[in-house]
Amino acid sequence: MPPPPEHLALLDSSTVRAPKLGVRPGRRVAELLRREVALADEDFDALYPEAVREVSSRYWTPVAVAMRAAQLLVTDRSTRVLDVGSGAGKFCLVGALATGASFTGVEHRAGLVEVAQAAAASLGARRARFVHGRFHTVPWETFDAFYFFNPFAENVFPASEHLDASVELSSDRCLADLTFAEELLARAKDGARIATYHGFGGQMPGSYELLRTEPLGSDYLELWVKRPRA
């Protein structure tokens, strides 16, 4: 994620609850995404509670970036994508609706998982699911592709710039998580596709080849593919 702005509206995800939306706004957004229309972020973010909308430009992937990343990751509708640190679910929701593939988000803040699930219901995004837990609690070997919006960076932000205080955040955890993520990526299936936005904080295993680097949004979107073993 990008460096913290000078003034950051922090989120207390323990008190966040999904907004009560009518069916029509969600249906309109879903229809546009299924037609691969990169609608404005403020239109998509209207699905979220105010506290989530306020930090969207900092913590959630922009619609245009999410759509392009999904296009790079998905080879056909059977592709299974894991979003590591899915937050309010924006990438998974955009990706699932735009491509028709299966997207799973794993997120360690329970309040954000609830928000993502409510947004999925309002959009009718049946191919997007969200799991509460640490990133290593899901079976990485079952996924074909992975998305990282630098999910471990918050660990090294000053405490005043954390999203909230509901989870453990520290430099020690950052190092441990990055080491574990690198190990899991090294064990991923041959041909696994990785998209990073603002990097992912660690070093991509040597078995991966960088295929594309595209300037997009506030940084670069990179596509890596794991080479088959000899």
C-alpha atoms as a PDB file:
ATOM      1  CA  MET A   1       0.000   0.000   0.000  1.00  0.00           C
ATOM      2  CA  PRO A   2       1.222   3.579  -0.594  1.00  0.00           C
ATOM      3  CA  PRO A   3       2.966   5.571   2.142  1.00  0.00           C
ATOM      4  CA  PRO A   4       0.635   7.125   4.716  1.00  0.00           C
ATOM      5  CA  PRO A   5      -0.810  10.553   3.926  1.00  0.00           C
ATOM      6  CA  GLU A   6      -0.191  13.469   6.246  1.00  0.00           C
ATOM      7  CA  HIS A   7      -3.679  13.161   7.737  1.00  0.00           C
ATOM      8  CA  LEU A   8      -5.146   9.662   7.845  1.00  0.00           C
ATOM      9  CA  ALA A   9      -8.727   8.921   8.854  1.00  0.00           C
ATOM     10  CA  LEU A  10      -8.341   5.749  10.903  1.00  0.00           C
ATOM     11  CA  LEU A  11     -10.857   2.938  10.927  1.00  0.00           C
ATOM     12  CA  ASP A  12     -12.172   1.095  13.940  1.00  0.00           C
ATOM     13  CA  SER A  13     -13.080  -2.149  12.173  1.00  0.00           C
ATOM     14  CA  SER A  14     -14.472  -3.618  15.376  1.00  0.00           C
ATOM     15  CA  THR A  15     -17.442  -1.237  15.077  1.00  0.00           C
ATOM     16  CA  VAL A  16     -17.825  -1.215  11.292  1.00  0.00           C
ATOM     17  CA  ARG A  17     -21.064  -2.647  10.014  1.00  0.00           C
ATOM     18  CA  ALA A  18     -22.236  -2.949   6.446  1.00  0.00           C
ATOM     19  CA  PRO A  19     -24.594  -0.215   5.193  1.00  0.00           C
ATOM     20  CA  LYS A  20     -28.226  -0.999   4.512  1.00  0.00           C
ATOM     21  CA  LEU A  21     -28.367  -0.746   0.753  1.00  0.00           C
ATOM     22  CA  GLY A  22     -31.245  -1.219  -1.594  1.00  0.00           C
ATOM     23  CA  VAL A  23     -30.892  -3.883  -4.252  1.00  0.00           C
ATOM     24  CA  ARG A  24     -30.716  -1.493  -7.200  1.00  0.00           C
ATOM     25  CA  PRO A  25     -27.418   0.292  -6.461  1.00  0.00           C
ATOM     26  CA  GLY A  26     -25.604  -3.034  -6.112  1.00  0.00           C
ATOM     27  CA  ARG A  27     -27.186  -4.380  -9.264  1.00  0.00           C
ATOM     28  CA  ARG A  28     -26.151  -1.311 -11.266  1.00  0.00           C
ATOM     29  CA  VAL A  29     -22.548  -1.593 -10.098  1.00  0.00           C
ATOM     30  CA  ALA A  30     -22.494  -5.339 -10.755  1.00  0.00           C
ATOM     31  CA  GLU A  31     -23.877  -4.886 -14.266  1.00  0.00           C
ATOM     32  CA  LEU A  32     -21.168  -2.366 -15.159  1.00  0.00           C
ATOM     33  CA  LEU A  33     -18.398  -4.584 -13.779  1.00  0.00           C
ATOM     34  CA  ARG A  34     -19.674  -7.625 -15.687  1.00  0.00           C
ATOM     35  CA  ARG A  35     -19.376  -5.486 -18.823  1.00  0.00           C
ATOM     36  CA  GLU A  36     -15.799  -4.674 -17.686  1.00  0.00           C
ATOM     37  CA  VAL A  37     -16.566  -0.990 -17.244  1.00  0.00           C
ATOM     38  CA  ALA A  38     -14.031   0.532 -14.844  1.00  0.00           C
ATOM     39  CA  LEU A  39     -16.485   2.722 -12.960  1.00  0.00           C
ATOM     40  CA  ALA A  40     -15.342   5.518 -10.670  1.00  0.00           C
ATOM     41  CA  ASP A  41     -14.075   4.441  -7.259  1.00  0.00           C
ATOM     42  CA  GLU A  42     -16.518   6.697  -5.449  1.00  0.00           C
ATOM     43  CA  ASP A  43     -19.396   4.895  -7.183  1.00  0.00           C
ATOM     44  CA  PHE A  44     -18.112   1.491  -6.101  1.00  0.00           C
ATOM     45  CA  ASP A  45     -17.219   2.681  -2.597  1.00  0.00           C
ATOM     46  CA  ALA A  46     -20.799   3.868  -2.067  1.00  0.00           C
ATOM     47  CA  LEU A  47     -21.517   0.197  -1.276  1.00  0.00           C
ATOM     48  CA  TYR A  48     -19.424   0.505   1.895  1.00  0.00           C
ATOM     49  CA  PRO A  49     -20.002   2.167   5.280  1.00  0.00           C
ATOM     50  CA  GLU A  50     -18.652   5.698   5.621  1.00  0.00           C
ATOM     51  CA  ALA A  51     -15.660   4.622   7.727  1.00  0.00           C
ATOM     52  CA  VAL A  52     -14.551   2.244   4.980  1.00  0.00           C
ATOM     53  CA  ARG A  53     -15.130   4.804   2.219  1.00  0.00           C
ATOM     54  CA  GLU A  54     -12.941   7.340   4.040  1.00  0.00           C
ATOM     55  CA  VAL A  55      -9.844   5.104   3.848  1.00  0.00           C
ATOM     56  CA  SER A  56     -10.558   3.575   0.464  1.00  0.00           C
ATOM     57  CA  SER A  57      -7.948   5.527  -1.517  1.00  0.00           C
ATOM     58  CA  ARG A  58      -5.290   4.427   0.952  1.00  0.00           C
ATOM     59  CA  TYR A  59      -6.117   0.817   1.745  1.00  0.00           C
ATOM     60  CA  TRP A  60      -8.305  -0.651  -1.025  1.00  0.00           C
ATOM     61  CA  THR A  61      -7.251  -1.337  -4.606  1.00  0.00           C
ATOM     62  CA  PRO A  62      -8.694   1.168  -7.125  1.00  0.00           C
ATOM     63  CA  VAL A  63     -11.319  -0.293  -9.475  1.00  0.00           C
ATOM     64  CA  ALA A  64      -9.185   0.223 -12.604  1.00  0.00           C
ATOM     65  CA  VAL A  65      -6.187  -1.503 -10.986  1.00  0.00           C
ATOM     66  CA  ALA A  66      -8.344  -4.360  -9.673  1.00  0.00           C
ATOM     67  CA  MET A  67      -9.848  -4.933 -13.108  1.00  0.00           C
ATOM     68  CA  ARG A  68      -6.479  -4.978 -14.870  1.00  0.00           C
ATOM     69  CA  ALA A  69      -4.885  -7.212 -12.214  1.00  0.00           C
ATOM     70  CA  ALA A  70      -7.779  -9.658 -12.538  1.00  0.00           C
ATOM     71  CA  GLN A  71      -7.339  -9.722 -16.316  1.00  0.00           C
ATOM     72  CA  LEU A  72      -3.658 -10.574 -15.901  1.00  0.00           C
ATOM     73  CA  LEU A  73      -4.309 -13.303 -13.323  1.00  0.00           C
ATOM     74  CA  VAL A  74      -7.308 -15.071 -14.836  1.00  0.00           C
ATOM     75  CA  THR A  75      -6.696 -17.406 -17.759  1.00  0.00           C
ATOM     76  CA  ASP A  76     -10.252 -18.811 -17.823  1.00  0.00           C
ATOM     77  CA  ARG A  77     -13.314 -19.031 -15.589  1.00  0.00           C
ATOM     78  CA  SER A  78     -11.871 -22.022 -13.726  1.00  0.00           C
ATOM     79  CA  THR A  79      -8.993 -19.888 -12.353  1.00  0.00           C
ATOM     80  CA  ARG A  80      -8.912 -19.659  -8.551  1.00  0.00           C
ATOM     81  CA  VAL A  81      -7.434 -16.419  -7.201  1.00  0.00           C
ATOM     82  CA  LEU A  82      -6.380 -15.662  -3.615  1.00  0.00           C
ATOM     83  CA  ASP A  83      -6.183 -12.063  -2.401  1.00  0.00           C
ATOM     84  CA  VAL A  84      -3.723 -11.930   0.500  1.00  0.00           C
ATOM     85  CA  GLY A  85      -5.009  -9.297   2.920  1.00  0.00           C
ATOM     86  CA  SER A  86      -8.325  -8.609   1.213  1.00  0.00           C
ATOM     87  CA  GLY A  87      -9.558  -5.828   3.504  1.00  0.00           C
ATOM     88  CA  ALA A  88     -13.061  -4.732   2.510  1.00  0.00           C
ATOM     89  CA  GLY A  89     -12.995  -7.115  -0.459  1.00  0.00           C
ATOM     90  CA  LYS A  90     -12.813  -4.589  -3.275  1.00  0.00           C
ATOM     91  CA  PHE A  91     -10.302  -6.469  -5.460  1.00  0.00           C
ATOM     92  CA  CYS A  92     -12.128  -9.806  -5.139  1.00  0.00           C
ATOM     93  CA  LEU A  93     -15.514  -8.270  -5.876  1.00  0.00           C
ATOM     94  CA  VAL A  94     -14.303  -6.410  -8.958  1.00  0.00           C
ATOM     95  CA  GLY A  95     -12.314  -9.404 -10.182  1.00  0.00           C
ATOM     96  CA  ALA A  96     -15.079 -11.969  -9.705  1.00  0.00           C
ATOM     97  CA  LEU A  97     -17.693  -9.848 -11.457  1.00  0.00           C
ATOM     98  CA  ALA A  98     -15.440  -8.736 -14.327  1.00  0.00           C
ATOM     99  CA  THR A  99     -13.946 -12.159 -15.129  1.00  0.00           C
ATOM    100  CA  GLY A 100     -16.406 -14.745 -13.827  1.00  0.00           C
ATOM    101  CA  ALA A 101     -13.535 -16.594 -12.131  1.00  0.00           C
ATOM    102  CA  SER A 102     -13.395 -17.595  -8.444  1.00  0.00           C
ATOM    103  CA  PHE A 103     -11.851 -15.105  -6.007  1.00  0.00           C
ATOM    104  CA  THR A 104     -11.129 -15.729  -2.314  1.00  0.00           C
ATOM    105  CA  GLY A 105     -10.000 -13.031   0.089  1.00  0.00           C
ATOM    106  CA  VAL A 106      -8.278 -13.813   3.380  1.00  0.00           C
ATOM    107  CA  GLU A 107      -8.333 -11.008   5.947  1.00  0.00           C
ATOM    108  CA  HIS A 108      -7.292 -10.886   9.622  1.00  0.00           C
ATOM    109  CA  ARG A 109      -9.806  -8.202  10.659  1.00  0.00           C
ATOM    110  CA  ALA A 110     -13.200  -9.793  11.294  1.00  0.00           C
ATOM    111  CA  GLY A 111     -15.093  -6.513  10.855  1.00  0.00           C
ATOM    112  CA  LEU A 112     -13.754  -6.077   7.331  1.00  0.00           C
ATOM    113  CA  VAL A 113     -14.673  -9.649   6.409  1.00  0.00           C
ATOM    114  CA  GLU A 114     -18.236  -8.871   7.463  1.00  0.00           C
ATOM    115  CA  VAL A 115     -18.243  -5.725   5.330  1.00  0.00           C
ATOM    116  CA  ALA A 116     -16.863  -7.616   2.319  1.00  0.00           C
ATOM    117  CA  GLN A 117     -19.477 -10.350   2.667  1.00  0.00           C
ATOM    118  CA  ALA A 118     -22.280  -7.792   2.837  1.00  0.00           C
ATOM    119  CA  ALA A 119     -20.966  -6.033  -0.276  1.00  0.00           C
ATOM    120  CA  ALA A 120     -20.770  -9.378  -2.102  1.00  0.00           C
ATOM    121  CA  ALA A 121     -24.396 -10.066  -1.203  1.00  0.00           C
ATOM    122  CA  SER A 122     -25.570  -6.655  -2.426  1.00  0.00           C
ATOM    123  CA  LEU A 123     -23.671  -7.147  -5.713  1.00  0.00           C
ATOM    124  CA  GLY A 124     -24.733 -10.746  -6.208  1.00  0.00           C
ATOM    125  CA  ALA A 125     -21.034 -11.654  -6.481  1.00  0.00           C
ATOM    126  CA  ARG A 126     -21.374 -15.378  -5.871  1.00  0.00           C
ATOM    127  CA  ARG A 127     -17.850 -16.110  -7.133  1.00  0.00           C
ATOM    128  CA  ALA A 128     -16.278 -13.976  -4.394  1.00  0.00           C
ATOM    129  CA  ARG A 129     -15.833 -15.412  -0.895  1.00  0.00           C
ATOM    130  CA  PHE A 130     -14.065 -14.086   2.172  1.00  0.00           C
ATOM    131  CA  VAL A 131     -12.266 -15.891   4.989  1.00  0.00           C
ATOM    132  CA  HIS A 132     -11.363 -14.491   8.393  1.00  0.00           C
ATOM    133  CA  GLY A 133      -7.861 -15.445   9.516  1.00  0.00           C
ATOM    134  CA  ARG A 134      -4.144 -15.120   8.903  1.00  0.00           C
ATOM    135  CA  PHE A 135      -2.983 -15.547   5.315  1.00  0.00           C
ATOM    136  CA  HIS A 136      -1.408 -18.953   5.911  1.00  0.00           C
ATOM    137  CA  THR A 137      -4.658 -20.477   7.209  1.00  0.00           C
ATOM    138  CA  VAL A 138      -5.982 -21.094   3.692  1.00  0.00           C
ATOM    139  CA  PRO A 139      -4.581 -23.882   1.456  1.00  0.00           C
ATOM    140  CA  TRP A 140      -2.369 -21.971  -0.992  1.00  0.00           C
ATOM    141  CA  GLU A 141      -1.764 -25.101  -3.063  1.00  0.00           C
ATOM    142  CA  THR A 142      -5.388 -25.034  -4.232  1.00  0.00           C
ATOM    143  CA  PHE A 143      -5.039 -21.607  -5.893  1.00  0.00           C
ATOM    144  CA  ASP A 144      -3.839 -20.794  -9.403  1.00  0.00           C
ATOM    145  CA  ALA A 145      -3.099 -17.100  -8.847  1.00  0.00           C
ATOM    146  CA  PHE A 146      -2.392 -14.622  -6.049  1.00  0.00           C
ATOM    147  CA  TYR A 147      -2.809 -10.882  -5.547  1.00  0.00           C
ATOM    148  CA  PHE A 148      -0.785  -8.673  -3.190  1.00  0.00           C
ATOM    149  CA  PHE A 149      -1.419  -4.987  -2.493  1.00  0.00           C
ATOM    150  CA  ASN A 150       1.631  -4.855  -0.196  1.00  0.00           C
ATOM    151  CA  PRO A 151      -0.439  -6.387   2.634  1.00  0.00           C
ATOM    152  CA  PHE A 152       2.353  -6.511   5.218  1.00  0.00           C
ATOM    153  CA  ALA A 153       3.428  -2.852   5.059  1.00  0.00           C
ATOM    154  CA  GLU A 154       1.059  -1.718   7.798  1.00  0.00           C
ATOM    155  CA  ASN A 155       3.234  -3.602  10.297  1.00  0.00           C
ATOM    156  CA  VAL A 156       6.001  -1.016   9.935  1.00  0.00           C
ATOM    157  CA  PHE A 157       3.805   2.108  10.015  1.00  0.00           C
ATOM    158  CA  PRO A 158       3.809   4.169  13.224  1.00  0.00           C
ATOM    159  CA  ALA A 159       1.038   3.087  15.591  1.00  0.00           C
ATOM    160  CA  SER A 160      -0.822   6.353  14.961  1.00  0.00           C
ATOM    161  CA  GLU A 161      -1.120   5.393  11.295  1.00  0.00           C
ATOM    162  CA  HIS A 162      -2.465   1.856  11.755  1.00  0.00           C
ATOM    163  CA  LEU A 163      -5.918   1.192  10.368  1.00  0.00           C
ATOM    164  CA  ASP A 164      -7.037   0.201  13.861  1.00  0.00           C
ATOM    165  CA  ALA A 165      -5.737  -1.617  16.948  1.00  0.00           C
ATOM    166  CA  SER A 166      -7.769  -4.811  16.566  1.00  0.00           C
ATOM    167  CA  VAL A 167      -4.865  -6.997  15.333  1.00  0.00           C
ATOM    168  CA  GLU A 168      -1.212  -7.504  16.167  1.00  0.00           C
ATOM    169  CA  LEU A 169       1.114  -5.311  14.102  1.00  0.00           C
ATOM    170  CA  SER A 170       4.881  -5.121  14.529  1.00  0.00           C
ATOM    171  CA  SER A 171       8.157  -5.184  12.615  1.00  0.00           C
ATOM    172  CA  ASP A 172       8.771  -8.704  13.952  1.00  0.00           C
ATOM    173  CA  ARG A 173       5.460  -9.880  12.573  1.00  0.00           C
ATOM    174  CA  CYS A 174       6.239  -8.194   9.244  1.00  0.00           C
ATOM    175  CA  LEU A 175       9.495 -10.117   8.926  1.00  0.00           C
ATOM    176  CA  ALA A 176       7.869 -13.405   9.964  1.00  0.00           C
ATOM    177  CA  ASP A 177       4.942 -12.931   7.570  1.00  0.00           C
ATOM    178  CA  LEU A 178       7.188 -12.049   4.644  1.00  0.00           C
ATOM    179  CA  THR A 179       9.374 -15.084   5.256  1.00  0.00           C
ATOM    180  CA  PHE A 180       6.324 -17.328   5.442  1.00  0.00           C
ATOM    181  CA  ALA A 181       4.777 -15.763   2.311  1.00  0.00           C
ATOM    182  CA  GLU A 182       7.986 -16.329   0.348  1.00  0.00           C
ATOM    183  CA  GLU A 183       8.009 -19.983   1.427  1.00  0.00           C
ATOM    184  CA  LEU A 184       4.375 -20.452   0.422  1.00  0.00           C
ATOM    185  CA  LEU A 185       4.977 -18.838  -2.961  1.00  0.00           C
ATOM    186  CA  ALA A 186       7.968 -21.101  -3.535  1.00  0.00           C
ATOM    187  CA  ARG A 187       5.692 -24.118  -2.926  1.00  0.00           C
ATOM    188  CA  ALA A 188       2.851 -22.881  -5.143  1.00  0.00           C
ATOM    189  CA  LYS A 189       1.934 -24.915  -8.194  1.00  0.00           C
ATOM    190  CA  ASP A 190       3.878 -24.560 -11.450  1.00  0.00           C
ATOM    191  CA  GLY A 191       2.430 -21.816 -13.621  1.00  0.00           C
ATOM    192  CA  ALA A 192       1.056 -19.887 -10.631  1.00  0.00           C
ATOM    193  CA  ARG A 193       0.466 -16.244 -11.524  1.00  0.00           C
ATOM    194  CA  ILE A 194       1.212 -13.436  -9.057  1.00  0.00           C
ATOM    195  CA  ALA A 195       0.094  -9.818  -9.405  1.00  0.00           C
ATOM    196  CA  THR A 196       1.591  -7.194  -7.089  1.00  0.00           C
ATOM    197  CA  TYR A 197       0.571  -3.560  -6.684  1.00  0.00           C
ATOM    198  CA  HIS A 198       3.050  -1.432  -4.710  1.00  0.00           C
ATOM    199  CA  GLY A 199       5.039  -4.670  -4.480  1.00  0.00           C
ATOM    200  CA  PHE A 200       4.483  -7.184  -1.708  1.00  0.00           C
ATOM    201  CA  GLY A 201       7.365  -6.245   0.594  1.00  0.00           C
ATOM    202  CA  GLY A 202       9.439  -9.391   0.189  1.00  0.00           C
ATOM    203  CA  GLN A 203      11.618 -11.015  -2.423  1.00  0.00           C
ATOM    204  CA  MET A 204       9.923 -13.065  -5.124  1.00  0.00           C
ATOM    205  CA  PRO A 205      11.321 -16.616  -5.160  1.00  0.00           C
ATOM    206  CA  GLY A 206      13.817 -17.346  -7.932  1.00  0.00           C
ATOM    207  CA  SER A 207      11.383 -19.766  -9.568  1.00  0.00           C
ATOM    208  CA  TYR A 208       9.241 -16.810 -10.712  1.00  0.00           C
ATOM    209  CA  GLU A 209       9.711 -14.773 -13.880  1.00  0.00           C
ATOM    210  CA  LEU A 210       8.571 -11.156 -14.187  1.00  0.00           C
ATOM    211  CA  LEU A 211       6.451 -10.981 -17.348  1.00  0.00           C
ATOM    212  CA  ARG A 212       4.894  -7.527 -17.203  1.00  0.00           C
ATOM    213  CA  THR A 213       5.337  -4.208 -15.421  1.00  0.00           C
ATOM    214  CA  GLU A 214       2.628  -1.631 -16.057  1.00  0.00           C
ATOM    215  CA  PRO A 215       2.377   1.878 -14.576  1.00  0.00           C
ATOM    216  CA  LEU A 216      -1.115   2.107 -13.134  1.00  0.00           C
ATOM    217  CA  GLY A 217      -2.798   4.100 -10.422  1.00  0.00           C
ATOM    218  CA  SER A 218      -0.242   5.381  -7.917  1.00  0.00           C
ATOM    219  CA  ASP A 219       2.449   2.771  -8.642  1.00  0.00           C
ATOM    220  CA  TYR A 220       3.190  -0.248 -10.830  1.00  0.00           C
ATOM    221  CA  LEU A 221       1.247  -3.428 -11.418  1.00  0.00           C
ATOM    222  CA  GLU A 222       3.580  -6.407 -11.892  1.00  0.00           C
ATOM    223  CA  LEU A 223       2.801  -9.891 -13.182  1.00  0.00           C
ATOM    224  CA  TRP A 224       4.986 -12.835 -12.165  1.00  0.00           C
ATOM    225  CA  VAL A 225       4.617 -16.440 -13.301  1.00  0.00           C
ATOM    226  CA  LYS A 226       6.180 -19.487 -11.699  1.00  0.00           C
ATOM    227  CA  ARG A 227       8.326 -21.396 -14.173  1.00  0.00           C
ATOM    228  CA  PRO A 228       7.733 -25.166 -14.450  1.00  0.00           C
ATOM    229  CA  ARG A 229      10.266 -27.313 -12.653  1.00  0.00           C
ATOM    230  CA  ALA A 230      12.862 -28.944 -14.876  1.00  0.00           C
END
